[in-house]
Amino acid sequence: MTDDAVQAARLDPMIAMVAGETSGDLLASLLMDGLHERWPAARGFGIGGVQMQQRGFEALWSSERLAVHGYSWEVFRRLGEILSIRRQLRERLLAQPPAVFVGIDAPDFNLGLEADLRGAGIKTVHFVCPSIWAWRANRVEKIRRAADHVLCIFPFEPELLARHGISASYVGHPLASVIPLQPDRAAARRRLGLSEEGLVLAVLPGSRRSEIRYIAQRFFQAAALVRKALPAIKIVVPAVPSQFDEVQRIARETGVADMLQIVRGQSHDALAACDVTLIASGTATLEAALYKRPMVIGYNMHPWSWRLMRGKQLQPWVGLPNILCGDFVVPELIQDAATPQALSQAVLQWLQACEHSPSTVEALVQRFTALHQELRRDTAKLAAHAIEKIIAPSAA
């Protein structure tokens, strides 16, 4: 890289990014805040969501176009569309090379793209280490070929990657800096129009259409059973805006629409406001842990997808809070175990603990607080510094 190119990259870098799904959009938007603080004139383009676009990102395609579920039929049905998007983006990036390409999560889409770009001399960064410590350890070789550097959100990951010759930095989890150590439950309830008194259950059935299709009905049936046992409880269902109508439709078809307060977005308010959450496995479970909320983790997918994933699982836990704590600190009910009856009973046990065994809940709060402090770093600044070293190592 010439001195002029280095200077241009330092002052006005063009940063290509791909974020898949709602969680990737959130992570990327937080990263963009750090990049804009370091480079106010930085420009970003690629695949992104609403929050990225609010920060000036040029979304050639929406993140929602990459949102698919496990190994389901939807993946195969949409494979041609997704591969076409990746091919078009690759051609654009090879024709107009950015200062760096940052792939945010979405490893099935990003790692192959990153490998092609890196092979053409474009610097690549992967943000969020794929969960090679949980399942699909065979991805290590893909990561080594694809990424010049990996930004890790969990403290044990850089050492793991270093054993395989992969450069990596621990930057903390962005959500740990966004979510307060002591959430304001009363303020969140006011924003949702809820009383400060009484029990509240938050139901989060996922953010992807295919995910919601498999999970929402049994979650809503479980919520109805909880409501039958505790008629005064309030049940809040935050739905990502793009899936709001779908969530409402499933609630009506399940016959529980009148029991639920379905809100557009506001998942953080729902987690801050609730006493307990019934939640789909994924990034949202970590958010619930950072809000220090007792939870029941549930998940269901197509049986074929489950058999494939089950065979690649490396740890006894599925939910991030349990993985990070190394113990079943909250119950997991996965696949056939995730019946409405079992889910409701697990939720009721936590609700009873809230009212009659506060020490049990406090022990969980302390465990989640320690986890929160471990994950809390100046992620935006650390990530921007790592990306600067990739863009212009001599300058950094």
Protein backbone atom coordinates (compact mmCIF):
# COMPACT_ATOMS: atom_id res chain seq x y z
CA MET A 1 0.00 0.00 0.00
CA THR A 2 1.42 3.42 -1.01
CA ASP A 3 1.74 6.30 1.45
CA ASP A 4 -1.14 8.10 -0.30
CA ALA A 5 -3.33 5.02 -0.08
CA VAL A 6 -2.48 4.60 3.58
CA GLN A 7 -3.39 8.22 4.27
CA ALA A 8 -6.68 7.89 2.37
CA ALA A 9 -7.53 4.71 4.22
CA ARG A 10 -6.82 6.44 7.51
CA LEU A 11 -8.91 9.53 6.77
CA ASP A 12 -11.77 8.30 4.62
CA PRO A 13 -11.92 4.50 4.52
CA MET A 14 -14.54 2.68 2.50
CA ILE A 15 -15.64 -0.21 4.70
CA ALA A 16 -17.71 -3.03 3.24
CA MET A 17 -19.85 -4.93 5.73
CA VAL A 18 -22.30 -7.81 5.77
CA ALA A 19 -24.58 -8.34 8.76
CA GLY A 20 -27.13 -11.11 8.81
CA GLU A 21 -30.39 -10.98 10.76
CA THR A 22 -31.51 -8.67 13.56
CA SER A 23 -28.71 -9.57 15.99
CA GLY A 24 -26.06 -8.91 13.34
CA ASP A 25 -27.63 -5.56 12.53
CA LEU A 26 -27.40 -4.60 16.21
CA LEU A 27 -23.78 -5.71 16.56
CA ALA A 28 -22.80 -3.95 13.33
CA SER A 29 -24.51 -0.72 14.34
CA LEU A 30 -22.56 -0.64 17.59
CA LEU A 31 -19.35 -1.33 15.67
CA MET A 32 -20.20 1.50 13.27
CA ASP A 33 -20.41 3.92 16.18
CA GLY A 34 -16.79 3.11 17.04
CA LEU A 35 -15.68 3.33 13.42
CA HIS A 36 -17.30 6.73 12.98
CA GLU A 37 -15.67 7.97 16.17
CA ARG A 38 -12.30 6.89 14.78
CA TRP A 39 -13.05 7.94 11.17
CA PRO A 40 -15.91 10.50 11.00
CA ALA A 41 -15.86 10.38 7.19
CA ALA A 42 -15.83 6.59 6.94
CA ARG A 43 -18.36 5.17 4.48
CA GLY A 44 -20.00 1.80 4.77
CA PHE A 45 -21.91 -0.30 2.26
CA GLY A 46 -22.96 -3.90 1.72
CA ILE A 47 -25.71 -5.84 3.48
CA GLY A 48 -27.26 -4.35 6.59
CA GLY A 49 -30.38 -3.67 8.58
CA VAL A 50 -32.36 -0.73 9.88
CA GLN A 51 -29.99 0.26 12.67
CA MET A 52 -27.00 0.27 10.33
CA GLN A 53 -28.90 2.35 7.79
CA GLN A 54 -29.77 4.86 10.49
CA ARG A 55 -26.00 5.40 10.82
CA GLY A 56 -25.56 6.17 7.13
CA PHE A 57 -24.84 2.64 5.91
CA GLU A 58 -25.66 2.04 2.23
CA ALA A 59 -27.56 -1.25 2.25
CA LEU A 60 -27.42 -2.82 -1.18
CA TRP A 61 -29.55 -5.60 0.34
CA SER A 62 -31.34 -5.86 3.67
CA SER A 63 -30.07 -8.17 6.42
CA GLU A 64 -33.47 -9.85 6.35
CA ARG A 65 -32.55 -11.38 2.97
CA LEU A 66 -30.03 -13.62 4.77
CA ALA A 67 -32.30 -14.67 7.65
CA VAL A 68 -32.89 -18.41 7.42
CA HIS A 69 -33.37 -21.11 10.05
CA GLY A 70 -31.07 -24.11 10.62
CA TYR A 71 -31.09 -26.68 7.82
CA SER A 72 -34.77 -26.18 7.08
CA TRP A 73 -36.51 -26.44 3.71
CA GLU A 74 -36.47 -22.64 3.59
CA VAL A 75 -32.66 -22.71 3.37
CA PHE A 76 -32.77 -24.90 0.27
CA ARG A 77 -35.70 -22.97 -1.19
CA ARG A 78 -33.81 -19.69 -0.85
CA LEU A 79 -30.31 -20.97 -1.54
CA GLY A 80 -30.29 -19.74 -5.13
CA GLU A 81 -31.33 -16.24 -4.06
CA ILE A 82 -28.71 -16.08 -1.30
CA LEU A 83 -25.92 -17.36 -3.54
CA SER A 84 -26.91 -14.82 -6.19
CA ILE A 85 -26.66 -12.00 -3.65
CA ARG A 86 -23.24 -13.19 -2.55
CA ARG A 87 -22.03 -13.47 -6.15
CA GLN A 88 -23.24 -9.94 -6.99
CA LEU A 89 -21.64 -8.50 -3.86
CA ARG A 90 -18.37 -10.31 -4.54
CA GLU A 91 -18.22 -8.90 -8.05
CA ARG A 92 -18.90 -5.39 -6.74
CA LEU A 93 -16.18 -5.66 -4.08
CA LEU A 94 -13.60 -7.09 -6.48
CA ALA A 95 -14.34 -4.30 -8.96
CA GLN A 96 -14.27 -1.59 -6.27
CA PRO A 97 -12.06 -2.92 -3.45
CA PRO A 98 -12.86 -1.47 -0.03
CA ALA A 99 -10.21 -0.63 2.55
CA VAL A 100 -11.46 -3.62 4.52
CA PHE A 101 -14.32 -6.08 4.50
CA VAL A 102 -15.98 -6.81 7.84
CA GLY A 103 -18.24 -9.84 8.05
CA ILE A 104 -20.53 -9.66 11.08
CA ASP A 105 -21.56 -13.15 12.16
CA ALA A 106 -23.52 -15.00 9.38
CA PRO A 107 -20.56 -17.40 8.93
CA ASP A 108 -22.24 -19.56 6.28
CA PHE A 109 -22.51 -16.49 4.07
CA ASN A 110 -19.47 -14.49 5.14
CA LEU A 111 -16.60 -16.96 5.47
CA GLY A 112 -16.75 -18.06 1.84
CA LEU A 113 -17.01 -14.46 0.68
CA GLU A 114 -14.13 -13.40 2.93
CA ALA A 115 -11.91 -16.20 1.59
CA ASP A 116 -12.49 -15.04 -1.99
CA LEU A 117 -11.82 -11.40 -1.11
CA ARG A 118 -8.72 -12.20 0.91
CA GLY A 119 -7.42 -14.30 -1.96
CA ALA A 120 -7.74 -11.18 -4.14
CA GLY A 121 -5.72 -9.10 -1.67
CA ILE A 122 -8.59 -7.39 0.17
CA LYS A 123 -8.17 -7.21 3.95
CA THR A 124 -10.85 -9.10 5.85
CA VAL A 125 -12.11 -9.04 9.43
CA HIS A 126 -14.68 -11.39 10.90
CA PHE A 127 -16.64 -9.99 13.85
CA VAL A 128 -17.92 -12.67 16.22
CA CYS A 129 -15.94 -15.87 16.29
CA PRO A 130 -18.08 -18.74 14.99
CA SER A 131 -19.00 -21.05 17.85
CA ILE A 132 -16.32 -23.63 17.13
CA TRP A 133 -16.20 -24.32 20.88
CA ALA A 134 -19.89 -25.30 20.86
CA TRP A 135 -20.38 -27.07 17.54
CA ARG A 136 -18.97 -27.31 14.00
CA ALA A 137 -15.30 -27.38 15.02
CA ASN A 138 -14.51 -28.09 11.36
CA ARG A 139 -15.01 -24.38 10.66
CA VAL A 140 -11.54 -23.61 12.03
CA GLU A 141 -9.89 -24.17 8.65
CA LYS A 142 -12.50 -21.97 6.94
CA ILE A 143 -11.79 -19.17 9.41
CA ARG A 144 -8.04 -19.47 8.85
CA ARG A 145 -8.49 -19.12 5.08
CA ALA A 146 -11.07 -16.33 5.34
CA ALA A 147 -10.02 -13.82 7.97
CA ASP A 148 -6.95 -11.65 8.42
CA HIS A 149 -8.26 -10.98 11.92
CA VAL A 150 -11.16 -12.10 14.12
CA LEU A 151 -12.88 -9.84 16.65
CA CYS A 152 -13.95 -12.04 19.56
CA ILE A 153 -16.79 -11.25 21.94
CA PHE A 154 -15.93 -13.89 24.54
CA PRO A 155 -12.66 -13.82 26.51
CA PHE A 156 -11.58 -17.44 25.92
CA GLU A 157 -11.79 -17.28 22.12
CA PRO A 158 -8.50 -15.55 21.09
CA GLU A 159 -6.42 -18.22 22.81
CA LEU A 160 -8.45 -20.95 21.12
CA LEU A 161 -7.96 -19.34 17.71
CA ALA A 162 -4.26 -18.73 18.34
CA ARG A 163 -3.75 -22.48 18.69
CA HIS A 164 -4.84 -22.72 15.06
CA GLY A 165 -2.69 -19.83 13.85
CA ILE A 166 -5.54 -17.33 13.58
CA SER A 167 -4.99 -13.70 14.60
CA ALA A 168 -7.70 -12.49 16.99
CA SER A 169 -8.56 -9.86 19.59
CA TYR A 170 -10.98 -9.92 22.51
CA VAL A 171 -13.13 -6.79 22.25
CA GLY A 172 -15.84 -7.66 24.75
CA HIS A 173 -19.48 -8.07 23.91
CA PRO A 174 -21.05 -4.84 22.61
CA LEU A 175 -24.33 -5.57 24.37
CA ALA A 176 -22.57 -5.60 27.74
CA SER A 177 -21.82 -1.89 27.35
CA VAL A 178 -25.25 -1.00 26.00
CA ILE A 179 -27.25 -2.80 28.67
CA PRO A 180 -26.89 -1.18 32.12
CA LEU A 181 -25.51 -3.19 35.01
CA GLN A 182 -28.65 -2.31 36.96
CA PRO A 183 -31.64 -2.17 34.59
CA ASP A 184 -34.46 0.23 35.43
CA ARG A 185 -37.47 -2.08 35.66
CA ALA A 186 -39.91 0.68 36.62
CA ALA A 187 -38.96 2.90 33.65
CA ALA A 188 -39.24 -0.02 31.23
CA ARG A 189 -42.68 -0.87 32.56
CA ARG A 190 -43.81 2.71 32.12
CA ARG A 191 -42.63 2.69 28.50
CA LEU A 192 -44.68 -0.46 27.93
CA GLY A 193 -47.71 0.91 29.75
CA LEU A 194 -47.44 -1.68 32.52
CA SER A 195 -48.05 -1.25 36.24
CA GLU A 196 -44.98 -1.22 38.47
CA GLU A 197 -46.68 -3.89 40.58
CA GLY A 198 -47.54 -7.45 39.58
CA LEU A 199 -45.79 -10.20 37.65
CA VAL A 200 -44.73 -9.80 34.03
CA LEU A 201 -43.67 -12.56 31.64
CA ALA A 202 -41.75 -11.66 28.47
CA VAL A 203 -42.11 -14.14 25.60
CA LEU A 204 -39.47 -13.93 22.86
CA PRO A 205 -40.03 -16.56 20.15
CA GLY A 206 -37.16 -15.47 17.88
CA SER A 207 -36.60 -12.92 15.15
CA ARG A 208 -36.65 -14.98 11.91
CA ARG A 209 -39.84 -15.94 10.10
CA SER A 210 -38.94 -19.63 9.90
CA GLU A 211 -37.85 -19.61 13.54
CA ILE A 212 -41.12 -17.99 14.64
CA ARG A 213 -43.10 -20.51 12.61
CA TYR A 214 -41.59 -23.40 14.59
CA ILE A 215 -41.48 -21.79 18.03
CA ALA A 216 -44.15 -19.13 18.50
CA GLN A 217 -47.21 -21.37 18.73
CA ARG A 218 -45.83 -23.60 21.47
CA PHE A 219 -44.50 -20.54 23.35
CA PHE A 220 -47.94 -18.92 23.16
CA GLN A 221 -49.61 -22.13 24.30
CA ALA A 222 -47.20 -22.25 27.24
CA ALA A 223 -47.98 -18.61 28.06
CA ALA A 224 -51.69 -19.44 28.08
CA LEU A 225 -51.05 -22.20 30.62
CA VAL A 226 -49.08 -19.76 32.77
CA ARG A 227 -51.95 -17.28 32.51
CA LYS A 228 -54.40 -20.00 33.56
CA ALA A 229 -52.33 -20.62 36.71
CA LEU A 230 -51.71 -16.91 37.37
CA PRO A 231 -54.66 -14.94 35.89
CA ALA A 232 -53.22 -11.55 36.90
CA ILE A 233 -49.90 -11.96 35.10
CA LYS A 234 -49.11 -9.64 32.18
CA ILE A 235 -47.54 -11.23 29.10
CA VAL A 236 -45.48 -9.07 26.74
CA VAL A 237 -44.32 -10.28 23.33
CA PRO A 238 -41.77 -8.05 21.57
CA ALA A 239 -41.78 -8.74 17.83
CA VAL A 240 -39.17 -7.48 15.39
CA PRO A 241 -40.95 -5.00 13.08
CA SER A 242 -40.59 -7.18 9.99
CA GLN A 243 -42.29 -10.10 11.77
CA PHE A 244 -44.92 -8.15 13.72
CA ASP A 245 -47.83 -9.19 11.49
CA GLU A 246 -46.69 -12.82 11.48
CA VAL A 247 -46.52 -12.91 15.28
CA GLN A 248 -49.99 -11.39 15.50
CA ARG A 249 -51.32 -13.96 13.03
CA ILE A 250 -49.94 -16.89 15.01
CA ALA A 251 -51.33 -15.44 18.24
CA ARG A 252 -54.79 -15.19 16.68
CA GLU A 253 -54.63 -18.71 15.25
CA THR A 254 -53.50 -20.05 18.62
CA GLY A 255 -56.45 -18.31 20.29
CA VAL A 256 -54.34 -16.30 22.72
CA ALA A 257 -54.21 -12.84 21.11
CA ASP A 258 -56.34 -11.31 23.86
CA MET A 259 -53.89 -12.57 26.52
CA LEU A 260 -50.79 -11.06 24.95
CA GLN A 261 -49.45 -7.54 24.64
CA ILE A 262 -47.59 -7.74 21.33
CA VAL A 263 -45.30 -4.77 20.82
CA ARG A 264 -43.25 -3.68 17.84
CA GLY A 265 -39.59 -4.06 18.75
CA GLN A 266 -38.84 -3.02 22.35
CA SER A 267 -37.22 -6.33 23.24
CA HIS A 268 -34.89 -4.61 25.70
CA ASP A 269 -37.81 -2.89 27.39
CA ALA A 270 -39.60 -6.23 27.66
CA LEU A 271 -36.54 -7.88 29.22
CA ALA A 272 -35.99 -4.99 31.62
CA ALA A 273 -39.66 -4.96 32.62
CA CYS A 274 -40.25 -8.68 33.12
CA ASP A 275 -39.81 -10.94 36.10
CA VAL A 276 -39.17 -14.02 33.93
CA THR A 277 -38.72 -14.58 30.21
CA LEU A 278 -39.56 -17.53 27.99
CA ILE A 279 -37.04 -17.11 25.22
CA ALA A 280 -35.74 -18.79 22.06
CA SER A 281 -32.13 -19.91 22.11
CA GLY A 282 -29.81 -17.38 20.48
CA THR A 283 -28.28 -13.97 21.12
CA ALA A 284 -31.44 -12.87 22.93
CA THR A 285 -30.64 -15.29 25.77
CA LEU A 286 -27.41 -13.40 26.43
CA GLU A 287 -29.38 -10.15 26.44
CA ALA A 288 -31.73 -11.67 29.02
CA ALA A 289 -28.71 -12.67 31.14
CA LEU A 290 -27.31 -9.14 30.92
CA TYR A 291 -30.70 -7.87 32.13
CA LYS A 292 -30.25 -10.38 35.03
CA ARG A 293 -33.57 -12.06 34.30
CA PRO A 294 -34.52 -15.65 35.16
CA MET A 295 -35.33 -17.42 31.93
CA VAL A 296 -36.51 -20.61 30.35
CA ILE A 297 -34.74 -21.32 27.06
CA GLY A 298 -36.73 -23.18 24.44
CA TYR A 299 -36.08 -24.08 20.84
CA ASN A 300 -37.59 -26.19 18.11
CA MET A 301 -36.71 -26.75 14.48
CA HIS A 302 -37.35 -29.19 11.66
CA PRO A 303 -36.46 -32.73 12.86
CA TRP A 304 -33.91 -33.19 10.09
CA SER A 305 -32.18 -29.92 11.00
CA TRP A 306 -32.11 -30.98 14.64
CA ARG A 307 -30.49 -34.34 13.85
CA LEU A 308 -27.76 -32.64 11.83
CA MET A 309 -27.04 -30.01 14.48
CA ARG A 310 -27.25 -32.46 17.36
CA GLY A 311 -24.53 -34.57 15.81
CA LYS A 312 -22.15 -31.59 15.73
CA GLN A 313 -22.80 -30.35 19.27
CA LEU A 314 -19.64 -30.22 21.42
CA GLN A 315 -21.10 -29.10 24.75
CA PRO A 316 -24.04 -30.22 26.88
CA TRP A 317 -25.58 -26.72 26.78
CA VAL A 318 -27.36 -24.88 23.99
CA GLY A 319 -28.15 -21.51 25.59
CA LEU A 320 -25.37 -18.91 25.79
CA PRO A 321 -25.89 -18.13 29.50
CA ASN A 322 -25.36 -21.79 30.37
CA ILE A 323 -22.39 -22.14 28.00
CA LEU A 324 -20.66 -19.07 29.44
CA CYS A 325 -21.38 -20.09 33.03
CA GLY A 326 -20.42 -23.70 32.34
CA ASP A 327 -23.52 -24.99 34.09
CA PHE A 328 -27.27 -25.33 33.72
CA VAL A 329 -28.01 -22.10 35.56
CA VAL A 330 -31.31 -21.79 33.65
CA PRO A 331 -33.44 -24.59 32.19
CA GLU A 332 -33.21 -25.55 28.52
CA LEU A 333 -36.07 -27.34 26.79
CA ILE A 334 -35.04 -28.21 23.27
CA GLN A 335 -36.87 -29.90 20.40
CA ASP A 336 -39.22 -32.65 21.66
CA ALA A 337 -38.73 -31.51 25.26
CA ALA A 338 -40.10 -28.06 24.39
CA THR A 339 -43.75 -28.89 24.92
CA PRO A 340 -46.17 -26.16 26.06
CA GLN A 341 -46.72 -28.06 29.31
CA ALA A 342 -43.01 -28.42 30.11
CA LEU A 343 -42.25 -24.82 29.14
CA SER A 344 -45.09 -23.47 31.28
CA GLN A 345 -44.05 -25.54 34.30
CA ALA A 346 -40.47 -24.28 34.06
CA VAL A 347 -41.71 -20.69 33.79
CA LEU A 348 -44.04 -21.14 36.77
CA GLN A 349 -41.17 -22.46 38.88
CA TRP A 350 -39.22 -19.26 38.26
CA LEU A 351 -42.29 -17.09 38.92
CA GLN A 352 -42.87 -18.90 42.20
CA ALA A 353 -39.22 -18.34 43.11
CA CYS A 354 -39.65 -14.61 42.42
CA GLU A 355 -42.44 -14.44 45.00
CA HIS A 356 -41.43 -17.08 47.54
CA SER A 357 -37.70 -17.75 47.17
CA PRO A 358 -35.95 -14.45 46.42
CA SER A 359 -32.56 -15.88 47.43
CA THR A 360 -32.74 -18.28 44.48
CA VAL A 361 -33.30 -15.41 42.09
CA GLU A 362 -30.63 -13.28 43.76
CA ALA A 363 -28.04 -16.05 43.31
CA LEU A 364 -28.80 -16.04 39.57
CA VAL A 365 -28.60 -12.24 39.47
CA GLN A 366 -25.15 -12.33 41.08
CA ARG A 367 -23.95 -14.92 38.58
CA PHE A 368 -25.22 -12.89 35.64
CA THR A 369 -23.72 -9.69 37.10
CA ALA A 370 -20.28 -11.31 37.21
CA LEU A 371 -20.74 -12.42 33.60
CA HIS A 372 -21.81 -8.90 32.62
CA GLN A 373 -18.67 -7.37 34.15
CA GLU A 374 -16.45 -9.92 32.39
CA LEU A 375 -17.97 -9.09 29.00
CA ARG A 376 -18.02 -5.31 29.50
CA ARG A 377 -15.28 -3.60 27.51
CA ASP A 378 -15.04 -0.54 25.28
CA THR A 379 -15.93 -2.77 22.34
CA ALA A 380 -16.35 -0.02 19.77
CA LYS A 381 -12.93 1.49 20.51
CA LEU A 382 -11.11 -1.86 20.71
CA ALA A 383 -12.70 -3.08 17.49
CA ALA A 384 -11.94 0.14 15.63
CA HIS A 385 -8.31 -0.02 16.76
CA ALA A 386 -8.00 -3.63 15.56
CA ILE A 387 -9.53 -2.72 12.20
CA GLU A 388 -7.18 0.26 11.89
CA LYS A 389 -4.20 -2.07 12.27
CA ILE A 390 -5.59 -4.21 9.46
CA ILE A 391 -6.25 -1.26 7.15
CA ALA A 392 -2.94 0.51 7.67
CA PRO A 393 -0.58 -1.49 9.90
CA SER A 394 2.36 0.92 9.52
CA ALA A 395 0.20 3.89 10.53
CA ALA A 396 -1.45 2.05 13.44
